[in-house]
Amino acid sequence: MSDLSLDADQLDRYSRHIIMEDVGPEGQKRLLDASVLVVGAGGLGSPVIQYLAAAGVGTLGVVDDDVVERSNLQRQVVHGDADVGRPKVDSAREFVAAQNPDVAVEPHETRLTADNVAGFLDDYDLVVDASDNFPTRYLVNDACTLAGVPFAHGAILRFEGQVTTFEAREGGPCYRCLFPEAPEPGTVPDCATAGVLGVLPGTVGCIQATEAVKLVLGYGETLDGRMLFYDAADMSFETVAVEPRPDCPVCQPGGVESVREVDYESTCGV
């Protein structure tokens, strides 16, 4: 959609963006031209998809191999009761189609793997990691870092969430600088066993969507180099610095050259 002239409907739909000096019609064009890959269409992916579509991000790739379950509906707001049993990528696509006809959703009903991740990164400007498991988080980090593709990370559990962004800049940190390896399987509870406050992923996912929009616009300061921790129980936010680790095998020179060198089955160790 290069050299796009906004039509009357778009001028109306995006008017609150267009009147902002820091966005304007050119910024809205950049959003309409952008392509973002959302990994996961669940608790975090739902608000990410909803708000990126509302903002007019022109192409949204959605990767998820799961189907909608009734227990999802407490927090996964792009799916409805009639979608139970359907692939999440299909109900997410229908949700966006009803919300904003400017946005094309590319559904990928599959799991992200070391074999297919490179093909996905070739087609998108940036990635939002809305996954719910450690192997996928480490795979997204490693693949994006090696390919130089920025990504926004989020995670949630019970009342707490965390968000950060890695711009994949030379000399910058990556997810492994903070967490070199995943915990042993079964040692950390997930939402299915420990629960999650239904509104929590809305907050965390909206922050991830905000980071993605800022990256597309090239405006503001992202969370690159910082991890934001959110505690909904006492409504507190805290940030900690994320420094590059000199011996990081992914983001520092002399490390791995391909995700195929990493074992994603257990601790995601290199």
C-alpha atoms as a PDB file:
ATOM      1  CA  MET A   1       0.000   0.000   0.000  1.00  0.00           C
ATOM      2  CA  SER A   2       2.867   2.363  -0.754  1.00  0.00           C
ATOM      3  CA  ASP A   3       1.979   5.929  -1.782  1.00  0.00           C
ATOM      4  CA  LEU A   4      -1.433   5.378  -0.267  1.00  0.00           C
ATOM      5  CA  SER A   5      -3.865   8.282  -0.284  1.00  0.00           C
ATOM      6  CA  LEU A   6      -6.243   7.993   2.631  1.00  0.00           C
ATOM      7  CA  ASP A   7      -9.854   7.843   1.503  1.00  0.00           C
ATOM      8  CA  ALA A   8     -12.780   9.510   3.264  1.00  0.00           C
ATOM      9  CA  ASP A   9     -13.556   6.468   5.425  1.00  0.00           C
ATOM     10  CA  GLN A  10      -9.926   6.189   6.521  1.00  0.00           C
ATOM     11  CA  LEU A  11      -9.668   9.890   7.269  1.00  0.00           C
ATOM     12  CA  ASP A  12     -12.680   9.416   9.540  1.00  0.00           C
ATOM     13  CA  ARG A  13     -11.580   6.104  11.099  1.00  0.00           C
ATOM     14  CA  TYR A  14      -8.054   7.270  11.915  1.00  0.00           C
ATOM     15  CA  SER A  15      -8.859  10.924  12.588  1.00  0.00           C
ATOM     16  CA  ARG A  16      -7.537  10.824  16.156  1.00  0.00           C
ATOM     17  CA  HIS A  17      -4.200   9.592  14.830  1.00  0.00           C
ATOM     18  CA  ILE A  18      -4.105  12.027  11.945  1.00  0.00           C
ATOM     19  CA  ILE A  19      -4.581  15.105  14.119  1.00  0.00           C
ATOM     20  CA  MET A  20      -1.605  14.097  16.276  1.00  0.00           C
ATOM     21  CA  GLU A  21       1.523  15.949  15.189  1.00  0.00           C
ATOM     22  CA  ASP A  22       3.637  12.910  16.046  1.00  0.00           C
ATOM     23  CA  VAL A  23       1.561  10.562  13.866  1.00  0.00           C
ATOM     24  CA  GLY A  24      -0.326  12.479  11.193  1.00  0.00           C
ATOM     25  CA  PRO A  25      -1.296  11.074   7.787  1.00  0.00           C
ATOM     26  CA  GLU A  26       2.252   9.874   7.064  1.00  0.00           C
ATOM     27  CA  GLY A  27       2.369   7.938  10.304  1.00  0.00           C
ATOM     28  CA  GLN A  28      -0.981   6.370   9.537  1.00  0.00           C
ATOM     29  CA  LYS A  29       0.316   5.380   6.118  1.00  0.00           C
ATOM     30  CA  ARG A  30       3.255   3.667   7.785  1.00  0.00           C
ATOM     31  CA  LEU A  31       0.847   1.727   9.978  1.00  0.00           C
ATOM     32  CA  LEU A  32      -1.256   0.698   6.990  1.00  0.00           C
ATOM     33  CA  ASP A  33       1.892  -0.419   5.170  1.00  0.00           C
ATOM     34  CA  ALA A  34       3.243  -2.360   8.160  1.00  0.00           C
ATOM     35  CA  SER A  35       3.185  -6.107   8.661  1.00  0.00           C
ATOM     36  CA  VAL A  36       3.355  -7.575  12.170  1.00  0.00           C
ATOM     37  CA  LEU A  37       3.570 -11.247  13.160  1.00  0.00           C
ATOM     38  CA  VAL A  38       1.669 -12.091  16.347  1.00  0.00           C
ATOM     39  CA  VAL A  39       2.802 -15.375  17.864  1.00  0.00           C
ATOM     40  CA  GLY A  40      -0.161 -16.690  19.832  1.00  0.00           C
ATOM     41  CA  ALA A  41      -3.857 -15.788  19.655  1.00  0.00           C
ATOM     42  CA  GLY A  42      -4.651 -16.377  23.308  1.00  0.00           C
ATOM     43  CA  GLY A  43      -4.692 -14.144  26.374  1.00  0.00           C
ATOM     44  CA  LEU A  44      -1.919 -11.800  25.270  1.00  0.00           C
ATOM     45  CA  GLY A  45      -2.448 -12.193  21.551  1.00  0.00           C
ATOM     46  CA  SER A  46      -6.107 -11.177  21.791  1.00  0.00           C
ATOM     47  CA  PRO A  47      -5.571  -7.549  22.917  1.00  0.00           C
ATOM     48  CA  VAL A  48      -2.503  -7.287  20.676  1.00  0.00           C
ATOM     49  CA  ILE A  49      -4.544  -8.337  17.639  1.00  0.00           C
ATOM     50  CA  GLN A  50      -7.504  -6.170  18.669  1.00  0.00           C
ATOM     51  CA  TYR A  51      -5.539  -2.954  19.127  1.00  0.00           C
ATOM     52  CA  LEU A  52      -3.124  -3.377  16.230  1.00  0.00           C
ATOM     53  CA  ALA A  53      -6.119  -3.945  13.973  1.00  0.00           C
ATOM     54  CA  ALA A  54      -7.902  -0.910  15.395  1.00  0.00           C
ATOM     55  CA  ALA A  55      -4.762   1.170  14.830  1.00  0.00           C
ATOM     56  CA  GLY A  56      -4.754   0.167  11.171  1.00  0.00           C
ATOM     57  CA  VAL A  57      -1.697  -2.082  10.985  1.00  0.00           C
ATOM     58  CA  GLY A  58      -2.255  -3.290   7.440  1.00  0.00           C
ATOM     59  CA  THR A  59      -1.145  -6.914   7.695  1.00  0.00           C
ATOM     60  CA  LEU A  60      -1.335  -9.110  10.770  1.00  0.00           C
ATOM     61  CA  GLY A  61       0.112 -12.584  10.675  1.00  0.00           C
ATOM     62  CA  VAL A  62      -1.294 -14.793  13.442  1.00  0.00           C
ATOM     63  CA  VAL A  63       0.488 -18.031  14.363  1.00  0.00           C
ATOM     64  CA  ASP A  64      -1.387 -20.453  16.616  1.00  0.00           C
ATOM     65  CA  ASP A  65      -2.165 -24.160  16.366  1.00  0.00           C
ATOM     66  CA  ASP A  66      -4.763 -24.255  19.156  1.00  0.00           C
ATOM     67  CA  VAL A  67      -8.560 -24.289  19.167  1.00  0.00           C
ATOM     68  CA  VAL A  68     -10.847 -22.151  21.317  1.00  0.00           C
ATOM     69  CA  GLU A  69     -11.900 -23.673  24.632  1.00  0.00           C
ATOM     70  CA  ARG A  70     -14.616 -22.291  26.867  1.00  0.00           C
ATOM     71  CA  SER A  71     -12.064 -21.696  29.645  1.00  0.00           C
ATOM     72  CA  ASN A  72     -10.264 -19.286  27.271  1.00  0.00           C
ATOM     73  CA  LEU A  73     -13.180 -16.880  27.134  1.00  0.00           C
ATOM     74  CA  GLN A  74     -12.505 -15.374  30.559  1.00  0.00           C
ATOM     75  CA  ARG A  75      -9.573 -13.458  29.039  1.00  0.00           C
ATOM     76  CA  GLN A  76      -9.172 -14.156  25.292  1.00  0.00           C
ATOM     77  CA  VAL A  77     -11.369 -11.362  24.033  1.00  0.00           C
ATOM     78  CA  VAL A  78     -11.220 -11.921  20.268  1.00  0.00           C
ATOM     79  CA  HIS A  79     -13.022 -15.257  20.649  1.00  0.00           C
ATOM     80  CA  GLY A  80     -16.671 -15.831  21.549  1.00  0.00           C
ATOM     81  CA  ASP A  81     -18.814 -18.657  22.844  1.00  0.00           C
ATOM     82  CA  ALA A  82     -19.777 -19.662  19.298  1.00  0.00           C
ATOM     83  CA  ASP A  83     -16.073 -20.122  18.486  1.00  0.00           C
ATOM     84  CA  VAL A  84     -15.512 -22.960  20.968  1.00  0.00           C
ATOM     85  CA  GLY A  85     -13.853 -25.802  19.099  1.00  0.00           C
ATOM     86  CA  ARG A  86     -12.738 -23.616  16.187  1.00  0.00           C
ATOM     87  CA  PRO A  87      -9.101 -22.792  15.350  1.00  0.00           C
ATOM     88  CA  LYS A  88      -8.106 -19.594  17.116  1.00  0.00           C
ATOM     89  CA  VAL A  89      -6.577 -18.185  13.940  1.00  0.00           C
ATOM     90  CA  ASP A  90      -9.970 -18.433  12.214  1.00  0.00           C
ATOM     91  CA  SER A  91     -11.972 -16.706  14.928  1.00  0.00           C
ATOM     92  CA  ALA A  92      -9.261 -14.044  15.255  1.00  0.00           C
ATOM     93  CA  ARG A  93      -9.441 -13.385  11.519  1.00  0.00           C
ATOM     94  CA  GLU A  94     -13.230 -13.028  11.637  1.00  0.00           C
ATOM     95  CA  PHE A  95     -12.977 -10.679  14.620  1.00  0.00           C
ATOM     96  CA  VAL A  96     -10.591  -8.387  12.746  1.00  0.00           C
ATOM     97  CA  ALA A  97     -12.669  -8.522   9.556  1.00  0.00           C
ATOM     98  CA  ALA A  98     -15.647  -7.220  11.521  1.00  0.00           C
ATOM     99  CA  GLN A  99     -13.541  -4.583  13.254  1.00  0.00           C
ATOM    100  CA  ASN A 100     -11.483  -3.041  10.455  1.00  0.00           C
ATOM    101  CA  PRO A 101     -11.721  -3.893   6.742  1.00  0.00           C
ATOM    102  CA  ASP A 102      -8.373  -2.178   6.109  1.00  0.00           C
ATOM    103  CA  VAL A 103      -6.519  -4.977   7.905  1.00  0.00           C
ATOM    104  CA  ALA A 104      -5.592  -8.273   6.254  1.00  0.00           C
ATOM    105  CA  VAL A 105      -5.113 -11.193   8.638  1.00  0.00           C
ATOM    106  CA  GLU A 106      -2.845 -14.003   7.497  1.00  0.00           C
ATOM    107  CA  PRO A 107      -3.765 -17.043   9.629  1.00  0.00           C
ATOM    108  CA  HIS A 108      -1.062 -19.645  10.209  1.00  0.00           C
ATOM    109  CA  GLU A 109      -2.574 -22.650  11.944  1.00  0.00           C
ATOM    110  CA  THR A 110       0.703 -24.158  13.005  1.00  0.00           C
ATOM    111  CA  ARG A 111       3.228 -24.122  15.812  1.00  0.00           C
ATOM    112  CA  LEU A 112       6.334 -21.990  15.402  1.00  0.00           C
ATOM    113  CA  THR A 113       9.363 -24.287  15.087  1.00  0.00           C
ATOM    114  CA  ALA A 114      13.045 -24.067  14.318  1.00  0.00           C
ATOM    115  CA  ASP A 115      12.206 -25.417  10.855  1.00  0.00           C
ATOM    116  CA  ASN A 116       9.622 -22.791   9.867  1.00  0.00           C
ATOM    117  CA  VAL A 117      10.489 -19.652  11.846  1.00  0.00           C
ATOM    118  CA  ALA A 118      12.874 -18.188   9.262  1.00  0.00           C
ATOM    119  CA  GLY A 119      10.164 -18.265   6.612  1.00  0.00           C
ATOM    120  CA  PHE A 120       7.847 -16.273   8.847  1.00  0.00           C
ATOM    121  CA  LEU A 121      10.417 -13.608   9.663  1.00  0.00           C
ATOM    122  CA  ASP A 122      11.049 -12.973   5.977  1.00  0.00           C
ATOM    123  CA  ASP A 123       7.476 -11.712   5.555  1.00  0.00           C
ATOM    124  CA  TYR A 124       7.013  -9.376   8.549  1.00  0.00           C
ATOM    125  CA  ASP A 125       8.539  -6.147   9.835  1.00  0.00           C
ATOM    126  CA  LEU A 126       8.416  -7.071  13.498  1.00  0.00           C
ATOM    127  CA  VAL A 127       7.106  -9.712  15.880  1.00  0.00           C
ATOM    128  CA  VAL A 128       4.946  -9.648  18.996  1.00  0.00           C
ATOM    129  CA  ASP A 129       5.618 -12.663  21.194  1.00  0.00           C
ATOM    130  CA  ALA A 130       2.294 -13.491  22.834  1.00  0.00           C
ATOM    131  CA  SER A 131       3.152 -17.154  23.396  1.00  0.00           C
ATOM    132  CA  ASP A 132       2.502 -19.059  26.598  1.00  0.00           C
ATOM    133  CA  ASN A 133       5.449 -21.456  26.793  1.00  0.00           C
ATOM    134  CA  PHE A 134       9.218 -21.230  27.221  1.00  0.00           C
ATOM    135  CA  PRO A 135      10.317 -23.100  24.066  1.00  0.00           C
ATOM    136  CA  THR A 136       8.427 -20.656  21.846  1.00  0.00           C
ATOM    137  CA  ARG A 137       9.705 -17.625  23.773  1.00  0.00           C
ATOM    138  CA  TYR A 138      13.306 -18.717  23.372  1.00  0.00           C
ATOM    139  CA  LEU A 139      12.750 -19.611  19.725  1.00  0.00           C
ATOM    140  CA  VAL A 140      11.268 -16.175  18.999  1.00  0.00           C
ATOM    141  CA  ASN A 141      14.160 -14.503  20.804  1.00  0.00           C
ATOM    142  CA  ASP A 142      16.856 -16.495  19.075  1.00  0.00           C
ATOM    143  CA  ALA A 143      15.356 -16.282  15.590  1.00  0.00           C
ATOM    144  CA  CYS A 144      14.563 -12.558  15.791  1.00  0.00           C
ATOM    145  CA  THR A 145      17.927 -11.678  17.316  1.00  0.00           C
ATOM    146  CA  LEU A 146      19.869 -13.623  14.689  1.00  0.00           C
ATOM    147  CA  ALA A 147      17.761 -12.151  11.871  1.00  0.00           C
ATOM    148  CA  GLY A 148      17.814  -8.585  13.234  1.00  0.00           C
ATOM    149  CA  VAL A 149      14.018  -8.424  13.568  1.00  0.00           C
ATOM    150  CA  PRO A 150      12.640  -6.418  16.546  1.00  0.00           C
ATOM    151  CA  PHE A 151      10.119  -8.070  18.827  1.00  0.00           C
ATOM    152  CA  ALA A 152       7.994  -7.286  21.879  1.00  0.00           C
ATOM    153  CA  HIS A 153       7.794  -9.921  24.605  1.00  0.00           C
ATOM    154  CA  GLY A 154       5.108 -10.410  27.226  1.00  0.00           C
ATOM    155  CA  ALA A 155       4.310 -12.996  29.896  1.00  0.00           C
ATOM    156  CA  ILE A 156       1.605 -13.332  32.563  1.00  0.00           C
ATOM    157  CA  LEU A 157       0.727 -15.462  35.593  1.00  0.00           C
ATOM    158  CA  ARG A 158      -1.864 -15.003  38.349  1.00  0.00           C
ATOM    159  CA  PHE A 159      -1.769 -11.226  39.095  1.00  0.00           C
ATOM    160  CA  GLU A 160       1.617 -10.451  37.533  1.00  0.00           C
ATOM    161  CA  GLY A 161       2.965  -9.659  34.093  1.00  0.00           C
ATOM    162  CA  GLN A 162       6.175  -8.619  32.403  1.00  0.00           C
ATOM    163  CA  VAL A 163       6.870  -6.792  29.149  1.00  0.00           C
ATOM    164  CA  THR A 164       9.991  -5.839  27.262  1.00  0.00           C
ATOM    165  CA  THR A 165      11.068  -5.051  23.725  1.00  0.00           C
ATOM    166  CA  PHE A 166      14.218  -6.069  21.936  1.00  0.00           C
ATOM    167  CA  GLU A 167      15.063  -3.948  18.919  1.00  0.00           C
ATOM    168  CA  ALA A 168      17.732  -6.429  17.789  1.00  0.00           C
ATOM    169  CA  ARG A 169      20.268  -3.616  17.623  1.00  0.00           C
ATOM    170  CA  GLU A 170      23.968  -4.332  17.446  1.00  0.00           C
ATOM    171  CA  GLY A 171      25.402  -4.539  20.949  1.00  0.00           C
ATOM    172  CA  GLY A 172      21.946  -4.628  22.533  1.00  0.00           C
ATOM    173  CA  PRO A 173      20.626  -7.313  24.877  1.00  0.00           C
ATOM    174  CA  CYS A 174      18.269 -10.182  24.154  1.00  0.00           C
ATOM    175  CA  TYR A 175      15.941 -12.330  26.248  1.00  0.00           C
ATOM    176  CA  ARG A 176      18.767 -14.772  27.004  1.00  0.00           C
ATOM    177  CA  CYS A 177      20.801 -11.991  28.622  1.00  0.00           C
ATOM    178  CA  LEU A 178      18.152 -11.911  31.343  1.00  0.00           C
ATOM    179  CA  PHE A 179      17.179 -15.592  31.355  1.00  0.00           C
ATOM    180  CA  PRO A 180      20.025 -17.686  29.848  1.00  0.00           C
ATOM    181  CA  GLU A 181      17.999 -20.911  29.966  1.00  0.00           C
ATOM    182  CA  ALA A 182      14.427 -21.943  30.624  1.00  0.00           C
ATOM    183  CA  PRO A 183      13.528 -23.564  33.941  1.00  0.00           C
ATOM    184  CA  GLU A 184      13.267 -27.330  34.008  1.00  0.00           C
ATOM    185  CA  PRO A 185       9.897 -28.553  32.707  1.00  0.00           C
ATOM    186  CA  GLY A 186       7.322 -28.712  35.479  1.00  0.00           C
ATOM    187  CA  THR A 187       9.161 -26.414  37.893  1.00  0.00           C
ATOM    188  CA  VAL A 188       7.257 -23.241  36.946  1.00  0.00           C
ATOM    189  CA  PRO A 189       3.432 -23.263  36.926  1.00  0.00           C
ATOM    190  CA  ASP A 190       1.465 -22.018  33.957  1.00  0.00           C
ATOM    191  CA  CYS A 191      -1.943 -20.361  33.703  1.00  0.00           C
ATOM    192  CA  ALA A 192      -3.678 -23.714  33.306  1.00  0.00           C
ATOM    193  CA  THR A 193      -2.400 -24.895  36.699  1.00  0.00           C
ATOM    194  CA  ALA A 194      -1.968 -21.625  38.641  1.00  0.00           C
ATOM    195  CA  GLY A 195      -4.628 -19.416  37.053  1.00  0.00           C
ATOM    196  CA  VAL A 196      -4.559 -15.867  35.759  1.00  0.00           C
ATOM    197  CA  LEU A 197      -6.647 -12.787  36.483  1.00  0.00           C
ATOM    198  CA  GLY A 198      -8.838 -12.349  33.414  1.00  0.00           C
ATOM    199  CA  VAL A 199      -8.089  -8.642  32.884  1.00  0.00           C
ATOM    200  CA  LEU A 200      -4.309  -9.016  33.354  1.00  0.00           C
ATOM    201  CA  PRO A 201      -3.442 -10.022  29.774  1.00  0.00           C
ATOM    202  CA  GLY A 202      -5.444  -7.030  28.546  1.00  0.00           C
ATOM    203  CA  THR A 203      -3.035  -4.668  30.292  1.00  0.00           C
ATOM    204  CA  VAL A 204       0.118  -6.520  29.306  1.00  0.00           C
ATOM    205  CA  GLY A 205      -1.043  -7.135  25.736  1.00  0.00           C
ATOM    206  CA  CYS A 206      -1.950  -3.469  25.288  1.00  0.00           C
ATOM    207  CA  ILE A 207       1.558  -2.493  26.342  1.00  0.00           C
ATOM    208  CA  GLN A 208       2.982  -4.925  23.784  1.00  0.00           C
ATOM    209  CA  ALA A 209       0.708  -3.443  21.112  1.00  0.00           C
ATOM    210  CA  THR A 210       1.858   0.047  22.116  1.00  0.00           C
ATOM    211  CA  GLU A 211       5.478  -0.993  21.678  1.00  0.00           C
ATOM    212  CA  ALA A 212       4.688  -2.423  18.233  1.00  0.00           C
ATOM    213  CA  VAL A 213       2.953   0.772  17.106  1.00  0.00           C
ATOM    214  CA  LYS A 214       5.884   2.882  18.328  1.00  0.00           C
ATOM    215  CA  LEU A 215       8.320   0.671  16.433  1.00  0.00           C
ATOM    216  CA  VAL A 216       6.305   1.095  13.226  1.00  0.00           C
ATOM    217  CA  LEU A 217       6.045   4.860  13.701  1.00  0.00           C
ATOM    218  CA  GLY A 218       9.671   5.229  14.752  1.00  0.00           C
ATOM    219  CA  TYR A 219       8.517   7.426  17.596  1.00  0.00           C
ATOM    220  CA  GLY A 220       9.169   7.458  21.326  1.00  0.00           C
ATOM    221  CA  GLU A 221      11.335   5.249  23.492  1.00  0.00           C
ATOM    222  CA  THR A 222      10.613   1.534  23.659  1.00  0.00           C
ATOM    223  CA  LEU A 223      11.368  -0.861  26.504  1.00  0.00           C
ATOM    224  CA  ASP A 224      14.534  -2.008  24.743  1.00  0.00           C
ATOM    225  CA  GLY A 225      17.078  -2.498  27.532  1.00  0.00           C
ATOM    226  CA  ARG A 226      14.388  -2.519  30.225  1.00  0.00           C
ATOM    227  CA  MET A 227      11.949  -5.077  31.613  1.00  0.00           C
ATOM    228  CA  LEU A 228       8.637  -3.732  32.904  1.00  0.00           C
ATOM    229  CA  PHE A 229       7.033  -5.703  35.735  1.00  0.00           C
ATOM    230  CA  TYR A 230       3.355  -5.172  36.519  1.00  0.00           C
ATOM    231  CA  ASP A 231       1.599  -6.336  39.676  1.00  0.00           C
ATOM    232  CA  ALA A 232      -2.159  -5.998  39.370  1.00  0.00           C
ATOM    233  CA  ALA A 233      -2.720  -6.901  43.026  1.00  0.00           C
ATOM    234  CA  ASP A 234      -1.172  -3.670  44.307  1.00  0.00           C
ATOM    235  CA  MET A 235      -1.308  -1.807  40.962  1.00  0.00           C
ATOM    236  CA  SER A 236       2.428  -1.222  40.754  1.00  0.00           C
ATOM    237  CA  PHE A 237       4.875  -0.972  37.881  1.00  0.00           C
ATOM    238  CA  GLU A 238       8.610  -1.453  38.170  1.00  0.00           C
ATOM    239  CA  THR A 239      11.347  -1.477  35.549  1.00  0.00           C
ATOM    240  CA  VAL A 240      14.741  -3.132  35.741  1.00  0.00           C
ATOM    241  CA  ALA A 241      17.640  -2.683  33.353  1.00  0.00           C
ATOM    242  CA  VAL A 242      18.458  -5.478  30.929  1.00  0.00           C
ATOM    243  CA  GLU A 243      22.139  -5.360  30.052  1.00  0.00           C
ATOM    244  CA  PRO A 244      23.808  -7.401  27.320  1.00  0.00           C
ATOM    245  CA  ARG A 245      25.558 -10.427  28.769  1.00  0.00           C
ATOM    246  CA  PRO A 246      29.121 -10.663  27.382  1.00  0.00           C
ATOM    247  CA  ASP A 247      28.934 -14.443  27.051  1.00  0.00           C
ATOM    248  CA  CYS A 248      25.428 -14.575  25.572  1.00  0.00           C
ATOM    249  CA  PRO A 249      25.539 -17.226  22.835  1.00  0.00           C
ATOM    250  CA  VAL A 250      22.865 -15.515  20.727  1.00  0.00           C
ATOM    251  CA  CYS A 251      23.274 -11.737  20.739  1.00  0.00           C
ATOM    252  CA  GLN A 252      27.032 -11.489  21.231  1.00  0.00           C
ATOM    253  CA  PRO A 253      29.754 -12.179  18.627  1.00  0.00           C
ATOM    254  CA  GLY A 254      31.007 -15.733  18.297  1.00  0.00           C
ATOM    255  CA  GLY A 255      27.749 -17.401  19.321  1.00  0.00           C
ATOM    256  CA  VAL A 256      25.324 -19.596  17.446  1.00  0.00           C
ATOM    257  CA  GLU A 257      24.490 -18.838  13.827  1.00  0.00           C
ATOM    258  CA  SER A 258      21.206 -20.735  13.541  1.00  0.00           C
ATOM    259  CA  VAL A 259      18.273 -21.755  15.720  1.00  0.00           C
ATOM    260  CA  ARG A 260      18.963 -25.307  14.573  1.00  0.00           C
ATOM    261  CA  GLU A 261      21.913 -25.313  16.965  1.00  0.00           C
ATOM    262  CA  VAL A 262      19.579 -24.932  19.960  1.00  0.00           C
ATOM    263  CA  ASP A 263      17.679 -27.637  21.834  1.00  0.00           C
ATOM    264  CA  TYR A 264      14.161 -26.293  22.421  1.00  0.00           C
ATOM    265  CA  GLU A 265      12.814 -29.501  23.951  1.00  0.00           C
ATOM    266  CA  SER A 266      13.928 -29.057  27.571  1.00  0.00           C
ATOM    267  CA  THR A 267      15.819 -26.044  28.952  1.00  0.00           C
ATOM    268  CA  CYS A 268      16.230 -24.340  25.552  1.00  0.00           C
ATOM    269  CA  GLY A 269      19.974 -24.398  26.214  1.00  0.00           C
ATOM    270  CA  VAL A 270      22.553 -23.729  23.541  1.00  0.00           C
END
